[in-house]
Amino acid sequence: MAATSSPRGRSSIRPALLAALGAGLAVRVALLVVVVLHQPYLTDVSYYNAQAVRYLLGGVDPYGAAYSVPSSLATPGAADVFAYLPGVFAFIAPAGAVGTPALGMVASDLVVALSLWLLGPRGGLPSLAYFLFPPVILFSTYFVNDSLPAIAFVALAILAESRGRPRAAAVLWGLAFGTSVEAWLAFPFYAAYSVRRRRALPPLISVLTAAAVVLPFLAWGPAAFVRDTVLFQFQRSPLPLFYSGPFGLSLNPSLQGVLASMGEPAPLALRGALVLAALALLLWRSDGTLKSLALGTAGFTAASLFLLPGVAFWSYFELPLMLLAAWYALRPAGDGGAPPRPPILKEPR
């Protein structure tokens, strides 16, 4: 007979994982705090964040504004662009008011860690693995990834779904959509998940929540907002796979990076068609469970972030990585199993 792990054995492992997670998070947060307080402006993103917060608190539209960044830190093709949706200010504005906006990334890290941990008995291991993964620590600590607030909202949304709170999850999904364009790649899977569970209202709530976050800034300066958050990614010239960046030799992990190195970048229409094909395939493979939502979204965001942008960065792939961690943390039946089936009609007697 095959040996199986007993509940007592599993319960003895959980405190050890909790202790390891606590120690790992303590080290991670301490590292983040020391780095951002010692030298808060390590990259151009840090400069953009600090100046955007000052613009916002001073009543000036941060989109389309003029930004001052040292030429040695400037990202090619991204001058004077604040590329993040306004939901990011929920994390960086309070932190900027009391110190440095980079401290908002510390808060995002903690939210994601706790959300992964609370997803279920298997949450400790992926939470620990995610936050001790060296690239994640590097990109969150040194390079300051402004996608982290959106990742935090997505983690909270999945946690709310796993606890049977679809409307709270819808609001959290909406906050994620109002924080990062990247998060919108999850919407088709979230909508399909809701429809298969006969919930038409949550996707609508998420869109209305995102609109409440975005529309005031869009109305403030429509042309500048659209340019900063959407168009510039497709208007900037693609960089080759290897190029000279602010920190020396850099890598562009995208299809355009590969093709630009060969002198033949792919047109946007072709890349868009490949993304739509990936979306159709992954939606067709989805079984309507929360685990499938997490896994499908992870695969689609990773594929889209490789195919669509002319210039990609490794930090773009933190959202798919977190979704994979959430997929592992969710038990097969932890989200209520498969969606409800329609009643079977009985033959009259």
Protein backbone atom coordinates (compact mmCIF):
# COMPACT_ATOMS: atom_id res chain seq x y z
CA MET A 1 0.00 0.00 0.00
CA ALA A 2 1.34 3.43 -0.93
CA ALA A 3 2.30 5.61 1.97
CA THR A 4 0.25 8.76 2.49
CA SER A 5 1.06 11.78 4.57
CA SER A 6 -0.96 11.96 7.76
CA PRO A 7 -2.77 15.12 8.96
CA ARG A 8 -0.39 15.17 11.93
CA GLY A 9 2.62 15.19 9.58
CA ARG A 10 1.14 17.97 7.51
CA SER A 11 0.32 20.02 10.60
CA SER A 12 3.92 19.73 11.80
CA ILE A 13 5.23 21.00 8.46
CA ARG A 14 2.96 24.05 8.42
CA PRO A 15 4.51 25.82 11.47
CA ALA A 16 7.97 25.26 9.98
CA LEU A 17 6.86 26.84 6.69
CA LEU A 18 5.24 29.69 8.58
CA ALA A 19 8.47 30.34 10.49
CA ALA A 20 10.50 30.20 7.26
CA LEU A 21 8.05 32.53 5.53
CA GLY A 22 8.16 34.97 8.43
CA ALA A 23 11.96 34.97 8.47
CA GLY A 24 12.14 35.33 4.70
CA LEU A 25 9.67 38.20 4.67
CA ALA A 26 11.49 39.92 7.53
CA VAL A 27 14.76 39.78 5.59
CA ARG A 28 13.06 40.88 2.38
CA VAL A 29 11.25 43.82 3.94
CA ALA A 30 14.39 44.89 5.82
CA LEU A 31 16.34 44.79 2.55
CA LEU A 32 13.70 46.82 0.76
CA VAL A 33 13.51 49.43 3.49
CA VAL A 34 17.29 49.79 3.79
CA VAL A 35 17.76 50.11 0.04
CA VAL A 36 14.98 52.60 -0.61
CA LEU A 37 15.84 54.75 2.43
CA HIS A 38 19.58 54.72 1.73
CA GLN A 39 19.21 55.65 -1.94
CA PRO A 40 15.56 55.97 -3.00
CA TYR A 41 16.26 56.88 -6.64
CA LEU A 42 18.00 53.81 -8.01
CA THR A 43 16.26 53.72 -11.40
CA ASP A 44 14.25 55.99 -13.69
CA VAL A 45 11.03 54.43 -12.30
CA SER A 46 11.93 55.80 -8.86
CA TYR A 47 12.33 59.28 -10.31
CA TYR A 48 9.04 59.04 -12.20
CA ASN A 49 7.20 57.80 -9.11
CA ALA A 50 8.52 60.51 -6.82
CA GLN A 51 7.79 63.30 -9.30
CA ALA A 52 4.36 61.88 -10.23
CA VAL A 53 3.36 61.86 -6.55
CA ARG A 54 4.53 65.46 -6.18
CA TYR A 55 2.55 66.46 -9.28
CA LEU A 56 -0.58 64.72 -8.00
CA LEU A 57 -0.37 66.13 -4.48
CA GLY A 58 0.23 69.57 -6.01
CA GLY A 59 -2.89 69.34 -8.17
CA VAL A 60 -1.02 68.80 -11.45
CA ASP A 61 -1.88 66.06 -13.95
CA PRO A 62 0.98 63.51 -13.74
CA TYR A 63 0.25 62.25 -17.27
CA GLY A 64 1.94 64.27 -19.99
CA ALA A 65 4.00 66.21 -17.45
CA ALA A 66 7.71 66.89 -17.82
CA TYR A 67 9.98 64.57 -15.84
CA SER A 68 13.61 65.00 -14.94
CA VAL A 69 15.64 61.78 -15.01
CA PRO A 70 19.45 61.48 -15.17
CA SER A 71 20.49 60.45 -18.66
CA SER A 72 22.51 57.58 -17.20
CA LEU A 73 19.29 56.00 -15.85
CA ALA A 74 16.87 56.81 -18.68
CA THR A 75 15.17 53.87 -20.38
CA PRO A 76 15.47 54.12 -24.18
CA GLY A 77 12.23 55.33 -25.79
CA ALA A 78 10.44 56.11 -22.50
CA ALA A 79 11.30 59.74 -21.78
CA ASP A 80 8.61 61.85 -20.05
CA VAL A 81 6.21 58.90 -19.86
CA PHE A 82 4.34 57.86 -16.71
CA ALA A 83 3.20 54.48 -18.00
CA TYR A 84 1.13 53.26 -15.06
CA LEU A 85 -2.60 53.53 -14.51
CA PRO A 86 -3.76 55.77 -11.63
CA GLY A 87 -4.57 52.93 -9.22
CA VAL A 88 -0.82 52.74 -8.53
CA PHE A 89 -1.15 55.95 -6.51
CA ALA A 90 -3.06 53.99 -3.84
CA PHE A 91 0.32 52.52 -2.88
CA ILE A 92 2.91 55.10 -3.89
CA ALA A 93 1.12 58.33 -2.90
CA PRO A 94 0.78 57.55 0.85
CA ALA A 95 4.33 56.18 0.89
CA GLY A 96 5.62 59.23 -0.96
CA ALA A 97 3.87 61.56 1.47
CA VAL A 98 5.70 60.03 4.44
CA GLY A 99 9.02 59.07 2.86
CA THR A 100 9.61 57.58 -0.57
CA PRO A 101 7.08 56.07 -3.03
CA ALA A 102 9.24 52.94 -3.20
CA LEU A 103 7.95 52.01 0.26
CA GLY A 104 4.64 51.32 -1.49
CA MET A 105 6.33 48.34 -3.08
CA VAL A 106 7.04 46.99 0.43
CA ALA A 107 3.32 47.16 1.19
CA SER A 108 2.54 45.43 -2.11
CA ASP A 109 4.98 42.63 -1.28
CA LEU A 110 3.35 42.04 2.09
CA VAL A 111 -0.15 41.96 0.60
CA VAL A 112 0.87 39.37 -2.01
CA ALA A 113 2.68 37.23 0.57
CA LEU A 114 -0.27 37.13 2.96
CA SER A 115 -2.74 36.48 0.14
CA LEU A 116 -0.77 33.50 -1.14
CA TRP A 117 -0.37 32.15 2.38
CA LEU A 118 -4.11 32.42 3.14
CA LEU A 119 -5.18 30.65 -0.06
CA GLY A 120 -5.07 27.31 1.72
CA PRO A 121 -2.95 24.67 3.45
CA ARG A 122 -0.63 24.58 0.43
CA GLY A 123 -0.14 28.36 0.42
CA GLY A 124 2.94 28.50 2.64
CA LEU A 125 5.34 26.86 0.21
CA PRO A 126 4.52 28.95 -2.90
CA SER A 127 4.43 32.12 -0.80
CA LEU A 128 7.89 31.39 0.57
CA ALA A 129 9.26 30.27 -2.80
CA TYR A 130 7.92 33.36 -4.57
CA PHE A 131 9.39 35.84 -2.13
CA LEU A 132 12.75 34.15 -1.83
CA PHE A 133 13.11 33.83 -5.61
CA PRO A 134 16.19 36.00 -6.35
CA PRO A 135 14.87 37.68 -9.54
CA VAL A 136 11.68 38.72 -7.73
CA ILE A 137 13.70 40.20 -4.87
CA LEU A 138 15.98 41.98 -7.34
CA PHE A 139 13.22 43.48 -9.46
CA SER A 140 11.13 44.58 -6.49
CA THR A 141 14.02 45.89 -4.40
CA TYR A 142 16.41 47.45 -6.87
CA PHE A 143 14.47 48.14 -10.06
CA VAL A 144 11.14 49.05 -8.37
CA ASN A 145 8.43 47.30 -10.37
CA ASP A 146 5.30 49.49 -10.48
CA SER A 147 3.21 46.46 -11.48
CA LEU A 148 3.43 45.21 -7.89
CA PRO A 149 0.34 47.12 -6.67
CA ALA A 150 -1.74 45.53 -9.45
CA ILE A 151 -0.27 42.13 -8.59
CA ALA A 152 -1.31 42.73 -4.97
CA PHE A 153 -4.90 43.53 -6.03
CA VAL A 154 -5.02 40.39 -8.22
CA ALA A 155 -3.76 38.25 -5.32
CA LEU A 156 -6.44 39.72 -3.04
CA ALA A 157 -9.10 39.12 -5.71
CA ILE A 158 -8.17 35.45 -6.03
CA LEU A 159 -8.21 35.14 -2.23
CA ALA A 160 -11.69 36.70 -2.08
CA GLU A 161 -12.92 34.32 -4.80
CA SER A 162 -11.53 31.35 -2.88
CA ARG A 163 -13.48 32.50 0.21
CA GLY A 164 -16.75 32.71 -1.72
CA ARG A 165 -16.97 36.52 -1.90
CA PRO A 166 -17.47 37.24 -5.61
CA ARG A 167 -18.55 40.88 -5.26
CA ALA A 168 -15.58 41.80 -3.08
CA ALA A 169 -13.39 39.99 -5.60
CA ALA A 170 -14.99 41.98 -8.42
CA VAL A 171 -14.06 45.27 -6.76
CA LEU A 172 -10.49 44.03 -6.25
CA TRP A 173 -10.26 42.89 -9.87
CA GLY A 174 -11.46 46.36 -10.87
CA LEU A 175 -8.77 48.00 -8.74
CA ALA A 176 -6.18 45.80 -10.46
CA PHE A 177 -7.54 46.80 -13.88
CA GLY A 178 -7.33 50.45 -12.80
CA THR A 179 -3.71 50.02 -11.72
CA SER A 180 -2.00 48.29 -14.64
CA VAL A 181 -2.76 47.76 -18.32
CA GLU A 182 -1.09 44.37 -17.92
CA ALA A 183 -3.83 43.29 -15.49
CA TRP A 184 -6.47 43.65 -18.24
CA LEU A 185 -5.01 40.53 -19.84
CA ALA A 186 -6.75 38.62 -17.04
CA PHE A 187 -10.20 40.01 -17.86
CA PRO A 188 -11.24 37.42 -20.51
CA PHE A 189 -10.49 34.59 -18.08
CA TYR A 190 -12.20 36.34 -15.17
CA ALA A 191 -15.28 37.01 -17.33
CA ALA A 192 -15.38 33.41 -18.59
CA TYR A 193 -14.97 32.12 -15.02
CA SER A 194 -17.88 34.29 -13.85
CA VAL A 195 -20.16 33.35 -16.76
CA ARG A 196 -19.58 29.64 -16.21
CA ARG A 197 -20.64 30.18 -12.60
CA ARG A 198 -23.72 32.10 -13.76
CA ARG A 199 -22.49 35.40 -12.34
CA ALA A 200 -23.08 38.22 -14.79
CA LEU A 201 -22.74 41.05 -12.25
CA PRO A 202 -19.11 40.66 -10.99
CA PRO A 203 -17.40 41.39 -14.34
CA LEU A 204 -19.58 44.49 -14.69
CA ILE A 205 -18.66 45.59 -11.16
CA SER A 206 -14.98 45.16 -12.00
CA VAL A 207 -15.26 47.31 -15.13
CA LEU A 208 -17.20 50.02 -13.27
CA THR A 209 -14.61 50.01 -10.47
CA ALA A 210 -11.77 50.37 -12.98
CA ALA A 211 -13.69 53.17 -14.71
CA ALA A 212 -14.11 55.01 -11.40
CA VAL A 213 -10.32 54.90 -10.95
CA VAL A 214 -9.31 55.74 -14.52
CA LEU A 215 -11.94 58.14 -15.90
CA PRO A 216 -11.07 61.18 -13.71
CA PHE A 217 -7.48 61.05 -14.96
CA LEU A 218 -8.59 60.36 -18.53
CA ALA A 219 -10.86 63.42 -18.41
CA TRP A 220 -8.02 65.49 -16.93
CA GLY A 221 -5.93 65.10 -20.08
CA PRO A 222 -7.21 62.47 -22.56
CA ALA A 223 -4.43 62.65 -25.17
CA ALA A 224 -1.58 62.58 -22.64
CA PHE A 225 -3.20 59.79 -20.62
CA VAL A 226 -3.71 57.51 -23.63
CA ARG A 227 -0.22 58.21 -24.93
CA ASP A 228 1.48 57.48 -21.60
CA THR A 229 -0.45 54.36 -20.61
CA VAL A 230 -1.13 52.63 -23.95
CA LEU A 231 0.26 54.09 -27.16
CA PHE A 232 3.89 54.61 -26.25
CA GLN A 233 4.45 50.85 -25.84
CA PHE A 234 3.55 50.36 -29.49
CA GLN A 235 5.10 53.56 -30.84
CA ARG A 236 8.57 53.10 -29.39
CA SER A 237 11.13 51.49 -31.65
CA PRO A 238 11.84 47.85 -30.82
CA LEU A 239 15.21 47.16 -29.28
CA PRO A 240 17.34 44.14 -30.20
CA LEU A 241 17.55 41.11 -27.94
CA PHE A 242 20.73 42.49 -26.37
CA TYR A 243 21.21 46.24 -26.07
CA SER A 244 23.14 48.78 -24.01
CA GLY A 245 20.95 49.97 -21.12
CA PRO A 246 21.43 52.11 -18.01
CA PHE A 247 23.06 49.18 -16.19
CA GLY A 248 25.19 47.84 -19.01
CA LEU A 249 24.23 44.99 -21.30
CA SER A 250 20.46 44.44 -21.09
CA LEU A 251 18.09 41.82 -22.47
CA ASN A 252 14.80 42.45 -24.28
CA PRO A 253 12.83 39.23 -23.59
CA SER A 254 10.25 39.66 -26.33
CA LEU A 255 9.51 38.40 -29.82
CA GLN A 256 10.35 41.83 -31.18
CA GLY A 257 13.71 41.65 -29.45
CA VAL A 258 14.50 38.38 -31.17
CA LEU A 259 13.28 39.53 -34.59
CA ALA A 260 14.82 43.02 -34.32
CA SER A 261 18.20 41.34 -33.81
CA MET A 262 17.67 39.69 -37.20
CA GLY A 263 16.51 42.95 -38.78
CA GLU A 264 12.89 41.85 -39.35
CA PRO A 265 10.50 43.04 -36.58
CA ALA A 266 7.02 41.53 -36.76
CA PRO A 267 4.08 43.85 -37.57
CA LEU A 268 1.58 44.52 -34.79
CA ALA A 269 -1.22 42.79 -36.73
CA LEU A 270 0.71 39.51 -36.78
CA ARG A 271 1.58 39.74 -33.09
CA GLY A 272 -2.03 40.56 -32.26
CA ALA A 273 -3.23 37.52 -34.22
CA LEU A 274 -0.85 35.28 -32.28
CA VAL A 275 -2.14 36.71 -28.99
CA LEU A 276 -5.76 36.08 -30.02
CA ALA A 277 -4.88 32.51 -31.00
CA ALA A 278 -3.29 31.94 -27.59
CA LEU A 279 -6.36 33.43 -25.90
CA ALA A 280 -8.75 31.18 -27.81
CA LEU A 281 -6.71 28.07 -27.03
CA LEU A 282 -6.39 28.80 -23.31
CA LEU A 283 -10.06 29.72 -22.91
CA TRP A 284 -11.01 26.50 -24.68
CA ARG A 285 -8.81 24.54 -22.26
CA SER A 286 -10.30 26.25 -19.20
CA ASP A 287 -12.57 24.13 -17.00
CA GLY A 288 -14.23 27.00 -15.13
CA THR A 289 -12.47 26.56 -11.77
CA LEU A 290 -10.45 29.14 -9.89
CA LYS A 291 -7.31 27.06 -10.40
CA SER A 292 -7.96 27.14 -14.13
CA LEU A 293 -8.49 30.90 -13.99
CA ALA A 294 -5.11 31.37 -12.32
CA LEU A 295 -3.28 29.00 -14.67
CA GLY A 296 -4.91 30.28 -17.86
CA THR A 297 -4.25 33.89 -16.93
CA ALA A 298 -0.63 33.08 -16.10
CA GLY A 299 -0.10 31.46 -19.49
CA PHE A 300 -1.88 34.19 -21.42
CA THR A 301 -0.15 37.11 -19.70
CA ALA A 302 3.25 35.48 -20.21
CA ALA A 303 2.52 34.85 -23.91
CA SER A 304 1.12 38.35 -24.46
CA LEU A 305 4.01 40.08 -22.70
CA PHE A 306 6.43 38.16 -24.91
CA LEU A 307 4.53 38.77 -28.15
CA LEU A 308 3.11 42.30 -27.95
CA PRO A 309 5.64 44.88 -26.66
CA GLY A 310 8.56 46.13 -28.66
CA VAL A 311 10.60 46.34 -25.47
CA ALA A 312 9.97 43.97 -22.56
CA PHE A 313 11.60 43.63 -19.16
CA TRP A 314 11.89 40.62 -16.89
CA SER A 315 9.81 42.41 -14.26
CA TYR A 316 6.82 42.15 -16.64
CA PHE A 317 6.67 38.44 -15.85
CA GLU A 318 6.14 38.82 -12.09
CA LEU A 319 2.36 38.70 -12.55
CA PRO A 320 2.42 35.32 -14.34
CA LEU A 321 4.82 34.04 -11.68
CA MET A 322 2.48 35.10 -8.87
CA LEU A 323 -0.46 33.48 -10.67
CA LEU A 324 1.46 30.21 -10.94
CA ALA A 325 2.11 30.39 -7.19
CA ALA A 326 -1.61 30.98 -6.60
CA TRP A 327 -2.49 28.06 -8.90
CA TYR A 328 -0.30 25.76 -6.83
CA ALA A 329 -1.64 27.10 -3.52
CA LEU A 330 -5.27 26.47 -4.44
CA ARG A 331 -6.46 22.99 -3.59
CA PRO A 332 -8.23 21.11 -6.40
CA ALA A 333 -11.54 21.50 -4.56
CA GLY A 334 -10.59 24.64 -2.67
CA ASP A 335 -12.59 26.91 -4.96
CA GLY A 336 -15.76 24.91 -4.89
CA GLY A 337 -14.77 22.52 -7.65
CA ALA A 338 -16.31 22.74 -11.10
CA PRO A 339 -19.00 25.31 -11.91
CA PRO A 340 -22.62 24.32 -11.21
CA ARG A 341 -24.19 22.17 -13.87
CA PRO A 342 -27.70 22.76 -15.25
CA PRO A 343 -30.37 20.46 -13.80
CA ILE A 344 -30.98 17.23 -15.65
CA LEU A 345 -34.50 16.98 -16.99
CA LYS A 346 -36.23 13.85 -15.86
CA GLU A 347 -38.46 11.90 -18.14
CA PRO A 348 -42.12 11.99 -17.14
CA ARG A 349 -43.38 8.80 -15.59
